[in-house]
Structures are given as C-alpha cells and as structure tokens.
Amino acid sequence: MIPDASSPVSQYISFIIAGDVYAVNILRTREIVEHSVISRVPRMPACIVGAMNLRGRVVPVIDLAIMLGLPPTKVSRWTCILIVETDLDGESTRLGLLIDAVGDVLTLSEDQIEPAPTFGMQVRMDQLLGVAKVGEKLVLLLNIDHILSPAELLGSTDLGPSAPGAPPALPGSHGAPAGEGDRP
C-alpha cells in the first residue's frame, strides 16, 4: 500500500520474532550485525543473553523474544542483532536485540497505523505503539523505550539461581535451573 501523500510518514525497520513481524522506528536503529560471539554475563536477567564487542564498544544483547513473553530465540543462519539506541536512566545507550531475521524498511503513513487491539495479543499493550497494515499482514510497532526500560529489563524476567554469597534475587523472581535458556 502506498502512503497517502497528505498523511505524515515514518520509516520503520521490520524483523521476525517467532514467526511474527515486528518493527521499530528506523531513527532508533543504528545498524544490523551478523550474529557472532556473545559473552554471557553471570547473574543477568534471562532476557539479557550477554554482551558483544562491537568495534571496541561493549554492547549488551537482549533476546527480544523473551522480553515479549515468547520462547527464547533459537539461533539460525538468519539470526542477527539489531543495534538500537534508547534512553536508559537519562543516558543514550546502545543495545543489541537478538532477532530471528531482519525484514524490510517500511514507510508507513499515520492512516496505516491503528491502535493495538485490546485482546488476543501476545505483547502487553504498553509495549506497542500500534499495529500497521502492510498488504495482508499486520506489523506490530514496538515501543522500545518502554520494552528496554531498566524496570522492564530487571522486573519482567527471572535471575539465575542464587550462589552462596551472591546477592538475593529481585522480589518476585524465581531463578532458572543452570543451563536453562543456554544457546548452542
């Protein structure tokens, strides 16, 4: 569908997670990198799979599927990392989002975007900016500032099991057995 010339347009980068199409505003993305070595960091929430070295800069990598309440991403030859910039505690921070595959750049007008329906969605309503109609498909437009907020990163996932001398887990976290969610 070609956007209406009278309606303001925005561009989004689309990607696949668990067979569904999601997108974030292209102004928030910095680059797409091939899946490579990710170093695990002990005692991180399950959604934070580790950190990567991106040209000398340490970038945390988040499994976006876990953040959205879906099963962990299974790494394949199409898996990549979408580098986005978000505001964490008043500081501009780059984070890597582990995604199944990258899609297209979408140019969407306001009339192609509707508020997210209040039922039948796997994503919480505050995680969505809206739903875009692209041909026969629906694309979920993510609110990455909310999804990647410190409260969401620390509060919506479990920490690993407590070790002797380790700080206590966050309230409401249950810990996961060692090895659970490990990647091949």
N, C-alpha and C. Protein backbone atom coordinates (compact mmCIF):
# COMPACT_ATOMS: atom_id res chain seq x y z
N MET A 1 0.85 -1.18 0.00
CA MET A 1 0.00 0.00 0.00
C MET A 1 0.89 1.24 0.00
N ILE A 2 0.63 2.16 -0.86
CA ILE A 2 1.39 3.40 -0.95
C ILE A 2 0.77 4.41 0.00
N PRO A 3 1.61 5.04 0.86
CA PRO A 3 1.07 6.00 1.82
C PRO A 3 0.38 7.17 1.13
N ASP A 4 -0.65 7.68 1.77
CA ASP A 4 -1.37 8.86 1.30
C ASP A 4 -0.44 10.07 1.43
N ALA A 5 -0.29 10.86 0.37
CA ALA A 5 0.63 11.99 0.35
C ALA A 5 0.27 13.04 1.39
N SER A 6 -0.99 13.12 1.81
CA SER A 6 -1.40 14.13 2.78
C SER A 6 -1.14 13.71 4.22
N SER A 7 -0.84 12.45 4.44
CA SER A 7 -0.63 11.94 5.79
C SER A 7 0.87 11.85 6.08
N PRO A 8 1.33 12.33 7.26
CA PRO A 8 2.75 12.25 7.60
C PRO A 8 3.22 10.79 7.58
N VAL A 9 4.46 10.59 7.17
CA VAL A 9 5.00 9.23 7.09
C VAL A 9 6.21 9.08 8.02
N SER A 10 6.44 7.85 8.43
CA SER A 10 7.60 7.47 9.24
C SER A 10 8.14 6.18 8.66
N GLN A 11 9.43 5.95 8.89
CA GLN A 11 10.03 4.71 8.43
C GLN A 11 10.34 3.81 9.62
N TYR A 12 10.15 2.52 9.40
CA TYR A 12 10.38 1.50 10.42
C TYR A 12 11.20 0.38 9.81
N ILE A 13 12.03 -0.26 10.63
CA ILE A 13 12.74 -1.45 10.19
C ILE A 13 11.97 -2.64 10.74
N SER A 14 11.62 -3.56 9.87
CA SER A 14 10.83 -4.72 10.30
C SER A 14 11.76 -5.91 10.51
N PHE A 15 11.30 -6.82 11.36
CA PHE A 15 12.07 -8.04 11.66
C PHE A 15 11.11 -9.11 12.14
N ILE A 16 11.62 -10.33 12.16
CA ILE A 16 10.82 -11.50 12.53
C ILE A 16 11.25 -12.00 13.91
N ILE A 17 10.26 -12.29 14.73
CA ILE A 17 10.48 -12.97 16.01
C ILE A 17 9.38 -14.01 16.13
N ALA A 18 9.78 -15.27 16.28
CA ALA A 18 8.83 -16.38 16.46
C ALA A 18 7.74 -16.39 15.39
N GLY A 19 8.11 -16.06 14.16
CA GLY A 19 7.18 -16.14 13.04
C GLY A 19 6.31 -14.90 12.84
N ASP A 20 6.36 -13.94 13.76
CA ASP A 20 5.56 -12.73 13.63
C ASP A 20 6.45 -11.56 13.21
N VAL A 21 5.82 -10.55 12.60
CA VAL A 21 6.56 -9.40 12.10
C VAL A 21 6.40 -8.24 13.09
N TYR A 22 7.53 -7.69 13.49
CA TYR A 22 7.59 -6.55 14.40
C TYR A 22 8.38 -5.46 13.70
N ALA A 23 8.34 -4.24 14.24
CA ALA A 23 9.13 -3.15 13.66
C ALA A 23 9.40 -2.12 14.73
N VAL A 24 10.52 -1.40 14.54
CA VAL A 24 10.85 -0.25 15.38
C VAL A 24 11.17 0.92 14.46
N ASN A 25 10.99 2.11 14.98
CA ASN A 25 11.26 3.31 14.19
C ASN A 25 12.71 3.29 13.74
N ILE A 26 12.94 3.54 12.47
CA ILE A 26 14.28 3.46 11.90
C ILE A 26 15.21 4.50 12.52
N LEU A 27 14.67 5.60 13.03
CA LEU A 27 15.51 6.61 13.65
C LEU A 27 16.14 6.10 14.94
N ARG A 28 15.62 5.03 15.52
CA ARG A 28 16.15 4.45 16.75
C ARG A 28 17.17 3.35 16.47
N THR A 29 17.28 2.91 15.22
CA THR A 29 18.21 1.84 14.89
C THR A 29 19.53 2.42 14.40
N ARG A 30 20.60 1.73 14.71
CA ARG A 30 21.94 2.17 14.30
C ARG A 30 22.52 1.26 13.24
N GLU A 31 22.33 -0.04 13.38
CA GLU A 31 22.85 -0.97 12.39
C GLU A 31 22.32 -2.38 12.67
N ILE A 32 22.57 -3.25 11.71
CA ILE A 32 22.23 -4.66 11.84
C ILE A 32 23.53 -5.42 11.69
N VAL A 33 23.84 -6.28 12.66
CA VAL A 33 25.08 -7.03 12.60
C VAL A 33 24.79 -8.52 12.61
N GLU A 34 25.69 -9.26 12.01
CA GLU A 34 25.59 -10.71 11.97
C GLU A 34 25.74 -11.25 13.39
N HIS A 35 25.01 -12.32 13.67
CA HIS A 35 25.13 -12.95 14.98
C HIS A 35 26.55 -13.47 15.12
N SER A 36 27.20 -13.12 16.21
CA SER A 36 28.57 -13.56 16.44
C SER A 36 28.72 -13.92 17.91
N VAL A 37 29.95 -13.91 18.38
CA VAL A 37 30.24 -14.31 19.75
C VAL A 37 29.57 -13.35 20.73
N ILE A 38 28.79 -13.94 21.63
CA ILE A 38 28.16 -13.19 22.71
C ILE A 38 28.69 -13.78 24.00
N SER A 39 29.29 -12.95 24.82
CA SER A 39 29.83 -13.41 26.11
C SER A 39 28.75 -13.32 27.17
N ARG A 40 28.50 -14.44 27.83
CA ARG A 40 27.49 -14.43 28.90
C ARG A 40 28.01 -13.66 30.10
N VAL A 41 27.11 -13.01 30.79
CA VAL A 41 27.45 -12.28 32.00
C VAL A 41 26.65 -12.92 33.14
N PRO A 42 27.35 -13.42 34.17
CA PRO A 42 26.64 -14.09 35.27
C PRO A 42 25.64 -13.18 35.96
N ARG A 43 24.56 -13.79 36.45
CA ARG A 43 23.55 -13.14 37.27
C ARG A 43 22.74 -12.07 36.56
N MET A 44 22.66 -12.14 35.25
CA MET A 44 21.84 -11.21 34.48
C MET A 44 20.44 -11.81 34.33
N PRO A 45 19.45 -10.97 34.15
CA PRO A 45 18.11 -11.48 33.86
C PRO A 45 18.14 -12.37 32.61
N ALA A 46 17.22 -13.30 32.52
CA ALA A 46 17.19 -14.27 31.42
C ALA A 46 17.13 -13.60 30.05
N CYS A 47 16.53 -12.43 29.97
CA CYS A 47 16.41 -11.76 28.68
C CYS A 47 17.73 -11.19 28.17
N ILE A 48 18.69 -10.97 29.06
CA ILE A 48 19.99 -10.45 28.66
C ILE A 48 20.91 -11.64 28.42
N VAL A 49 21.15 -11.94 27.14
CA VAL A 49 21.93 -13.14 26.79
C VAL A 49 23.43 -12.91 26.95
N GLY A 50 23.85 -11.67 27.08
CA GLY A 50 25.25 -11.38 27.29
C GLY A 50 25.63 -10.05 26.68
N ALA A 51 26.92 -9.95 26.33
CA ALA A 51 27.43 -8.72 25.73
C ALA A 51 28.31 -9.08 24.55
N MET A 52 28.39 -8.15 23.60
CA MET A 52 29.23 -8.37 22.43
C MET A 52 30.19 -7.19 22.27
N ASN A 53 31.28 -7.46 21.58
CA ASN A 53 32.26 -6.42 21.27
C ASN A 53 31.91 -5.89 19.88
N LEU A 54 31.45 -4.67 19.83
CA LEU A 54 31.08 -4.05 18.56
C LEU A 54 32.09 -2.94 18.28
N ARG A 55 33.13 -3.30 17.54
CA ARG A 55 34.20 -2.36 17.20
C ARG A 55 34.76 -1.65 18.43
N GLY A 56 35.05 -2.44 19.46
CA GLY A 56 35.66 -1.90 20.67
C GLY A 56 34.68 -1.40 21.71
N ARG A 57 33.41 -1.43 21.41
CA ARG A 57 32.38 -0.96 22.35
C ARG A 57 31.61 -2.18 22.87
N VAL A 58 31.45 -2.27 24.19
CA VAL A 58 30.69 -3.36 24.80
C VAL A 58 29.20 -3.03 24.68
N VAL A 59 28.46 -3.93 24.03
CA VAL A 59 27.03 -3.72 23.80
C VAL A 59 26.26 -4.90 24.41
N PRO A 60 25.37 -4.63 25.39
CA PRO A 60 24.52 -5.70 25.92
C PRO A 60 23.60 -6.22 24.82
N VAL A 61 23.36 -7.55 24.83
CA VAL A 61 22.48 -8.16 23.84
C VAL A 61 21.28 -8.76 24.57
N ILE A 62 20.10 -8.37 24.11
CA ILE A 62 18.84 -8.77 24.73
C ILE A 62 18.07 -9.66 23.78
N ASP A 63 17.57 -10.78 24.29
CA ASP A 63 16.71 -11.64 23.48
C ASP A 63 15.32 -11.02 23.52
N LEU A 64 14.96 -10.35 22.44
CA LEU A 64 13.68 -9.63 22.40
C LEU A 64 12.49 -10.58 22.54
N ALA A 65 12.64 -11.81 22.08
CA ALA A 65 11.56 -12.79 22.22
C ALA A 65 11.21 -12.99 23.70
N ILE A 66 12.21 -13.13 24.54
CA ILE A 66 11.97 -13.31 25.97
C ILE A 66 11.29 -12.07 26.55
N MET A 67 11.74 -10.89 26.15
CA MET A 67 11.13 -9.65 26.63
C MET A 67 9.65 -9.57 26.27
N LEU A 68 9.29 -10.21 25.16
CA LEU A 68 7.90 -10.17 24.71
C LEU A 68 7.09 -11.35 25.23
N GLY A 69 7.70 -12.17 26.10
CA GLY A 69 6.99 -13.30 26.69
C GLY A 69 6.93 -14.51 25.79
N LEU A 70 7.82 -14.59 24.81
CA LEU A 70 7.87 -15.71 23.87
C LEU A 70 9.03 -16.62 24.23
N PRO A 71 9.07 -17.84 23.67
CA PRO A 71 10.22 -18.72 23.93
C PRO A 71 11.52 -18.09 23.44
N PRO A 72 12.66 -18.45 24.05
CA PRO A 72 13.95 -17.88 23.64
C PRO A 72 14.23 -18.10 22.15
N THR A 73 14.96 -17.17 21.56
CA THR A 73 15.33 -17.25 20.16
C THR A 73 16.26 -18.43 19.93
N LYS A 74 15.95 -19.22 18.91
CA LYS A 74 16.84 -20.30 18.50
C LYS A 74 17.73 -19.75 17.40
N VAL A 75 19.03 -19.81 17.61
CA VAL A 75 19.97 -19.24 16.67
C VAL A 75 19.98 -20.06 15.38
N SER A 76 19.85 -19.37 14.24
CA SER A 76 19.90 -19.99 12.92
C SER A 76 20.83 -19.15 12.05
N ARG A 77 20.96 -19.52 10.82
CA ARG A 77 21.85 -18.75 9.94
C ARG A 77 21.29 -17.36 9.62
N TRP A 78 20.01 -17.12 9.87
CA TRP A 78 19.40 -15.82 9.61
C TRP A 78 19.36 -14.93 10.86
N THR A 79 19.66 -15.51 12.02
CA THR A 79 19.63 -14.75 13.26
C THR A 79 20.63 -13.60 13.17
N CYS A 80 20.21 -12.43 13.61
CA CYS A 80 21.10 -11.28 13.61
C CYS A 80 20.80 -10.42 14.82
N ILE A 81 21.58 -9.37 14.96
CA ILE A 81 21.43 -8.47 16.09
C ILE A 81 21.16 -7.07 15.55
N LEU A 82 20.04 -6.53 15.97
CA LEU A 82 19.63 -5.18 15.59
C LEU A 82 20.12 -4.24 16.69
N ILE A 83 21.02 -3.34 16.34
CA ILE A 83 21.56 -2.39 17.31
C ILE A 83 20.63 -1.17 17.34
N VAL A 84 20.09 -0.89 18.52
CA VAL A 84 19.18 0.24 18.70
C VAL A 84 19.74 1.17 19.76
N GLU A 85 19.25 2.39 19.74
CA GLU A 85 19.65 3.37 20.75
C GLU A 85 18.42 3.75 21.54
N THR A 86 18.56 3.70 22.85
CA THR A 86 17.45 4.05 23.73
C THR A 86 17.98 4.85 24.90
N ASP A 87 17.09 5.46 25.63
CA ASP A 87 17.46 6.27 26.79
C ASP A 87 17.32 5.40 28.04
N LEU A 88 18.45 5.12 28.71
CA LEU A 88 18.43 4.38 29.97
C LEU A 88 18.93 5.30 31.07
N ASP A 89 18.05 5.61 32.00
CA ASP A 89 18.39 6.48 33.12
C ASP A 89 19.01 7.80 32.66
N GLY A 90 18.43 8.40 31.62
CA GLY A 90 18.88 9.69 31.14
C GLY A 90 20.12 9.66 30.26
N GLU A 91 20.60 8.48 29.94
CA GLU A 91 21.80 8.36 29.11
C GLU A 91 21.48 7.57 27.84
N SER A 92 21.92 8.09 26.70
CA SER A 92 21.71 7.39 25.44
C SER A 92 22.58 6.14 25.43
N THR A 93 21.94 4.98 25.23
CA THR A 93 22.63 3.70 25.34
C THR A 93 22.32 2.84 24.12
N ARG A 94 23.33 2.17 23.61
CA ARG A 94 23.14 1.22 22.51
C ARG A 94 22.96 -0.17 23.08
N LEU A 95 21.95 -0.86 22.57
CA LEU A 95 21.65 -2.22 22.96
C LEU A 95 21.48 -3.06 21.71
N GLY A 96 21.84 -4.32 21.80
CA GLY A 96 21.62 -5.25 20.69
C GLY A 96 20.38 -6.07 20.95
N LEU A 97 19.53 -6.21 19.94
CA LEU A 97 18.32 -7.02 20.05
C LEU A 97 18.51 -8.26 19.20
N LEU A 98 18.48 -9.42 19.82
CA LEU A 98 18.59 -10.69 19.11
C LEU A 98 17.27 -10.95 18.41
N ILE A 99 17.31 -11.09 17.09
CA ILE A 99 16.08 -11.30 16.31
C ILE A 99 16.28 -12.48 15.37
N ASP A 100 15.18 -13.11 14.96
CA ASP A 100 15.26 -14.28 14.07
C ASP A 100 15.75 -13.90 12.69
N ALA A 101 15.28 -12.79 12.16
CA ALA A 101 15.67 -12.35 10.81
C ALA A 101 15.24 -10.91 10.63
N VAL A 102 15.98 -10.20 9.80
CA VAL A 102 15.62 -8.82 9.51
C VAL A 102 14.66 -8.82 8.33
N GLY A 103 13.79 -7.82 8.29
CA GLY A 103 12.81 -7.70 7.21
C GLY A 103 13.16 -6.56 6.29
N ASP A 104 12.19 -5.69 6.07
CA ASP A 104 12.33 -4.56 5.15
C ASP A 104 12.22 -3.24 5.89
N VAL A 105 12.60 -2.19 5.21
CA VAL A 105 12.32 -0.84 5.69
C VAL A 105 10.91 -0.52 5.21
N LEU A 106 10.04 -0.16 6.14
CA LEU A 106 8.65 0.14 5.82
C LEU A 106 8.42 1.64 5.94
N THR A 107 7.82 2.23 4.94
CA THR A 107 7.40 3.62 5.00
C THR A 107 5.90 3.60 5.26
N LEU A 108 5.51 4.09 6.44
CA LEU A 108 4.11 4.00 6.86
C LEU A 108 3.54 5.38 7.12
N SER A 109 2.34 5.58 6.64
CA SER A 109 1.63 6.82 6.95
C SER A 109 0.78 6.58 8.19
N GLU A 110 0.36 7.67 8.81
CA GLU A 110 -0.45 7.57 10.02
C GLU A 110 -1.73 6.78 9.79
N ASP A 111 -2.29 6.86 8.57
CA ASP A 111 -3.55 6.14 8.31
C ASP A 111 -3.34 4.64 8.15
N GLN A 112 -2.10 4.18 8.06
CA GLN A 112 -1.82 2.74 8.00
C GLN A 112 -1.61 2.15 9.39
N ILE A 113 -1.55 3.01 10.41
CA ILE A 113 -1.27 2.55 11.77
C ILE A 113 -2.52 2.71 12.62
N GLU A 114 -2.88 1.63 13.30
CA GLU A 114 -4.04 1.64 14.19
C GLU A 114 -3.58 1.33 15.60
N PRO A 115 -4.36 1.76 16.59
CA PRO A 115 -4.04 1.36 17.96
C PRO A 115 -4.09 -0.17 18.05
N ALA A 116 -3.27 -0.72 18.92
CA ALA A 116 -3.27 -2.17 19.09
C ALA A 116 -4.59 -2.63 19.68
N PRO A 117 -5.12 -3.77 19.22
CA PRO A 117 -6.36 -4.28 19.81
C PRO A 117 -6.12 -4.66 21.27
N THR A 118 -7.15 -4.64 22.06
CA THR A 118 -7.01 -4.89 23.49
C THR A 118 -7.13 -6.36 23.86
N PHE A 119 -7.21 -7.25 22.89
CA PHE A 119 -7.29 -8.68 23.20
C PHE A 119 -6.57 -9.48 22.13
N GLY A 120 -6.21 -10.70 22.50
CA GLY A 120 -5.61 -11.61 21.53
C GLY A 120 -4.18 -11.31 21.17
N MET A 121 -3.50 -10.43 21.89
CA MET A 121 -2.13 -10.07 21.56
C MET A 121 -1.19 -10.72 22.58
N GLN A 122 -0.02 -11.20 22.09
CA GLN A 122 0.98 -11.77 22.98
C GLN A 122 1.80 -10.68 23.65
N VAL A 123 1.75 -9.48 23.14
CA VAL A 123 2.53 -8.38 23.66
C VAL A 123 1.63 -7.52 24.54
N ARG A 124 2.17 -7.04 25.67
CA ARG A 124 1.39 -6.14 26.51
C ARG A 124 1.15 -4.85 25.76
N MET A 125 0.04 -4.21 26.02
CA MET A 125 -0.36 -3.01 25.28
C MET A 125 0.65 -1.86 25.42
N ASP A 126 1.28 -1.73 26.58
CA ASP A 126 2.24 -0.64 26.77
C ASP A 126 3.55 -0.89 26.01
N GLN A 127 3.72 -2.08 25.45
CA GLN A 127 4.91 -2.38 24.67
C GLN A 127 4.72 -2.04 23.19
N LEU A 128 3.50 -1.67 22.81
CA LEU A 128 3.19 -1.38 21.41
C LEU A 128 2.87 0.09 21.17
N LEU A 129 3.35 0.59 20.04
CA LEU A 129 2.95 1.92 19.58
C LEU A 129 1.69 1.81 18.74
N GLY A 130 1.50 0.65 18.13
CA GLY A 130 0.34 0.41 17.28
C GLY A 130 0.56 -0.80 16.40
N VAL A 131 -0.37 -1.00 15.49
CA VAL A 131 -0.32 -2.10 14.53
C VAL A 131 -0.46 -1.50 13.14
N ALA A 132 0.47 -1.86 12.26
CA ALA A 132 0.43 -1.34 10.89
C ALA A 132 -0.11 -2.41 9.95
N LYS A 133 -0.91 -1.97 9.00
CA LYS A 133 -1.43 -2.86 7.97
C LYS A 133 -0.52 -2.72 6.75
N VAL A 134 0.19 -3.80 6.43
CA VAL A 134 1.10 -3.81 5.28
C VAL A 134 0.67 -4.98 4.39
N GLY A 135 -0.02 -4.64 3.31
CA GLY A 135 -0.58 -5.69 2.46
C GLY A 135 -1.59 -6.48 3.27
N GLU A 136 -1.42 -7.81 3.28
CA GLU A 136 -2.32 -8.69 4.04
C GLU A 136 -1.81 -8.94 5.46
N LYS A 137 -0.61 -8.45 5.78
CA LYS A 137 -0.01 -8.73 7.08
C LYS A 137 -0.18 -7.57 8.05
N LEU A 138 -0.10 -7.92 9.32
CA LEU A 138 -0.07 -6.92 10.37
C LEU A 138 1.34 -6.88 10.93
N VAL A 139 1.84 -5.68 11.18
CA VAL A 139 3.17 -5.49 11.74
C VAL A 139 2.99 -4.80 13.08
N LEU A 140 3.54 -5.41 14.13
CA LEU A 140 3.45 -4.84 15.47
C LEU A 140 4.57 -3.83 15.65
N LEU A 141 4.22 -2.58 15.90
CA LEU A 141 5.20 -1.50 16.08
C LEU A 141 5.54 -1.40 17.56
N LEU A 142 6.79 -1.69 17.88
CA LEU A 142 7.22 -1.78 19.28
C LEU A 142 7.62 -0.44 19.86
N ASN A 143 7.30 -0.26 21.12
CA ASN A 143 7.71 0.89 21.91
C ASN A 143 9.00 0.49 22.62
N ILE A 144 10.16 0.64 21.96
CA ILE A 144 11.40 0.13 22.55
C ILE A 144 11.82 0.89 23.80
N ASP A 145 11.42 2.14 23.94
CA ASP A 145 11.77 2.86 25.17
C ASP A 145 11.13 2.19 26.38
N HIS A 146 9.92 1.69 26.22
CA HIS A 146 9.27 1.01 27.33
C HIS A 146 9.82 -0.41 27.50
N ILE A 147 9.91 -1.15 26.41
CA ILE A 147 10.38 -2.54 26.48
C ILE A 147 11.78 -2.61 27.07
N LEU A 148 12.64 -1.67 26.70
CA LEU A 148 14.03 -1.70 27.13
C LEU A 148 14.32 -0.82 28.34
N SER A 149 13.28 -0.41 29.06
CA SER A 149 13.50 0.40 30.26
C SER A 149 14.14 -0.48 31.34
N PRO A 150 14.92 0.12 32.25
CA PRO A 150 15.53 -0.67 33.32
C PRO A 150 14.49 -1.46 34.12
N ALA A 151 13.34 -0.86 34.38
CA ALA A 151 12.31 -1.56 35.15
C ALA A 151 11.84 -2.81 34.43
N GLU A 152 11.66 -2.73 33.11
CA GLU A 152 11.23 -3.89 32.34
C GLU A 152 12.33 -4.95 32.27
N LEU A 153 13.57 -4.50 32.02
CA LEU A 153 14.68 -5.45 31.89
C LEU A 153 14.90 -6.21 33.19
N LEU A 154 14.81 -5.54 34.32
CA LEU A 154 15.06 -6.20 35.59
C LEU A 154 13.81 -6.79 36.22
N GLY A 155 12.67 -6.23 35.96
CA GLY A 155 11.46 -6.66 36.64
C GLY A 155 10.65 -7.73 35.96
N SER A 156 10.83 -7.90 34.66
CA SER A 156 9.96 -8.83 33.95
C SER A 156 10.61 -10.17 33.66
N THR A 157 11.82 -10.37 34.14
CA THR A 157 12.50 -11.64 33.88
C THR A 157 13.11 -12.17 35.16
N ASP A 158 13.38 -13.47 35.15
CA ASP A 158 13.99 -14.11 36.31
C ASP A 158 15.50 -13.99 36.25
N LEU A 159 16.10 -13.93 37.42
CA LEU A 159 17.55 -14.03 37.51
C LEU A 159 17.90 -15.50 37.66
N GLY A 160 19.12 -15.83 37.37
CA GLY A 160 19.57 -17.21 37.52
C GLY A 160 19.57 -17.62 38.98
N PRO A 161 19.93 -18.88 39.27
CA PRO A 161 19.91 -19.39 40.64
C PRO A 161 20.92 -18.65 41.51
N SER A 162 20.59 -18.52 42.78
CA SER A 162 21.48 -17.84 43.71
C SER A 162 22.64 -18.75 44.07
N ALA A 163 23.82 -18.18 44.10
CA ALA A 163 25.01 -18.90 44.53
C ALA A 163 25.36 -18.41 45.92
N PRO A 164 26.09 -19.22 46.71
CA PRO A 164 26.49 -18.75 48.04
C PRO A 164 27.22 -17.42 47.92
N GLY A 165 26.82 -16.46 48.73
CA GLY A 165 27.46 -15.15 48.72
C GLY A 165 26.94 -14.22 47.65
N ALA A 166 26.06 -14.72 46.78
CA ALA A 166 25.52 -13.88 45.71
C ALA A 166 24.42 -13.01 46.29
N PRO A 167 24.20 -11.84 45.71
CA PRO A 167 23.11 -11.00 46.21
C PRO A 167 21.77 -11.70 45.97
N PRO A 168 20.80 -11.42 46.80
CA PRO A 168 19.50 -12.07 46.63
C PRO A 168 18.86 -11.68 45.31
N ALA A 169 18.01 -12.57 44.80
CA ALA A 169 17.29 -12.31 43.56
C ALA A 169 16.29 -11.19 43.80
N LEU A 170 15.87 -10.54 42.74
CA LEU A 170 14.86 -9.50 42.84
C LEU A 170 13.57 -10.08 43.38
N PRO A 171 12.79 -9.30 44.10
CA PRO A 171 11.49 -9.79 44.57
C PRO A 171 10.66 -10.27 43.39
N GLY A 172 10.05 -11.42 43.58
CA GLY A 172 9.19 -11.96 42.53
C GLY A 172 9.93 -12.81 41.52
N SER A 173 11.27 -12.87 41.60
CA SER A 173 11.98 -13.72 40.65
C SER A 173 12.13 -15.09 41.24
N HIS A 174 12.18 -16.09 40.40
CA HIS A 174 12.21 -17.47 40.86
C HIS A 174 13.51 -18.17 40.51
N GLY A 175 14.32 -17.59 39.65
CA GLY A 175 15.56 -18.24 39.23
C GLY A 175 15.27 -19.36 38.27
N ALA A 176 16.21 -19.64 37.41
CA ALA A 176 16.05 -20.71 36.44
C ALA A 176 17.14 -21.73 36.67
N PRO A 177 16.87 -23.01 36.43
CA PRO A 177 17.91 -24.02 36.59
C PRO A 177 19.11 -23.69 35.72
N ALA A 178 20.29 -24.05 36.19
CA ALA A 178 21.51 -23.80 35.43
C ALA A 178 21.39 -24.44 34.06
N GLY A 179 21.82 -23.70 33.06
CA GLY A 179 21.79 -24.24 31.69
C GLY A 179 20.50 -23.95 30.96
N GLU A 180 19.43 -23.58 31.68
CA GLU A 180 18.17 -23.32 31.02
C GLU A 180 18.29 -22.07 30.18
N GLY A 181 17.89 -22.14 28.95
CA GLY A 181 17.97 -20.99 28.05
C GLY A 181 19.33 -20.84 27.40
N ASP A 182 20.25 -21.80 27.66
CA ASP A 182 21.58 -21.74 27.05
C ASP A 182 21.45 -21.86 25.55
N ARG A 183 22.32 -21.25 24.86
CA ARG A 183 22.34 -21.30 23.40
C ARG A 183 23.34 -22.36 22.95
N PRO A 184 23.13 -22.95 21.77
CA PRO A 184 24.10 -23.92 21.26
C PRO A 184 25.42 -23.25 20.94
